[in-house]
Amino acid sequence: MSRTPAKFTQADISRALRAVNQCDIDAEVILEPDGRIRIAPSDVRTSLQMNTDFDIRL
């Protein structure tokens, strides 16, 4: 039985993190279970509500 292909790669995540760092803004890189990578403005209220296994906070 073979493995299913990855929905996103480590390189994809690194690119998203680098993009946020280069913009010098407070933002979150959110990895959605369906394979989407979202970059959203960081907000204290939002950050507390979006605490899932797929969130990466900067």
Protein backbone atom coordinates (compact mmCIF):
# COMPACT_ATOMS: atom_id res chain seq x y z
CA MET A 1 0.00 0.00 0.00
CA SER A 2 1.56 3.28 -1.06
CA ARG A 3 1.39 6.57 0.76
CA THR A 4 -0.82 9.37 -0.43
CA PRO A 5 1.01 12.40 -1.85
CA ALA A 6 1.61 15.30 0.52
CA LYS A 7 -0.85 18.17 0.27
CA PHE A 8 1.97 20.63 0.95
CA THR A 9 5.70 20.22 1.33
CA GLN A 10 8.21 21.55 3.79
CA ALA A 11 9.46 23.85 1.03
CA ASP A 12 5.93 25.28 0.62
CA ILE A 13 5.76 26.05 4.34
CA SER A 14 9.25 27.59 4.31
CA ARG A 15 8.27 29.87 1.41
CA ALA A 16 5.17 31.05 3.25
CA LEU A 17 7.13 31.74 6.45
CA ARG A 18 9.83 33.61 4.54
CA ALA A 19 7.21 35.73 2.79
CA VAL A 20 5.68 36.77 6.12
CA ASN A 21 9.11 37.57 7.57
CA GLN A 22 10.10 39.65 4.54
CA CYS A 23 6.92 41.72 4.79
CA ASP A 24 7.73 42.51 8.43
CA ILE A 25 4.12 42.15 9.58
CA ASP A 26 2.42 40.24 12.37
CA ALA A 27 0.76 37.36 10.58
CA GLU A 28 -0.05 33.69 10.89
CA VAL A 29 0.65 30.96 8.38
CA ILE A 30 -2.30 28.59 8.60
CA LEU A 31 -2.11 25.11 7.08
CA GLU A 32 -5.59 23.95 6.16
CA PRO A 33 -6.40 20.20 6.16
CA ASP A 34 -7.37 20.42 2.48
CA GLY A 35 -3.85 21.53 1.51
CA ARG A 36 -4.33 25.29 1.36
CA ILE A 37 -1.76 27.54 3.01
CA ARG A 38 -3.30 30.78 4.28
CA ILE A 39 -1.50 33.87 5.53
CA ALA A 40 -3.73 35.89 7.84
CA PRO A 41 -3.09 39.01 9.92
CA SER A 42 -2.29 38.11 13.49
CA ASP A 43 -4.90 39.18 16.01
CA VAL A 44 -4.92 38.19 19.68
CA ARG A 45 -8.62 37.30 19.64
CA THR A 46 -8.32 35.37 16.36
CA SER A 47 -5.19 33.53 17.51
CA LEU A 48 -6.92 32.23 20.60
CA GLN A 49 -9.92 31.01 18.60
CA MET A 50 -7.89 29.36 15.80
CA ASN A 51 -5.83 27.06 18.00
CA THR A 52 -5.70 23.85 15.89
CA ASP A 53 -3.03 21.35 15.06
CA PHE A 54 -2.49 23.09 11.72
CA ASP A 55 -1.63 26.62 12.96
CA ILE A 56 1.92 27.94 12.89
CA ARG A 57 2.35 31.18 14.73
CA LEU A 58 5.22 33.58 14.25
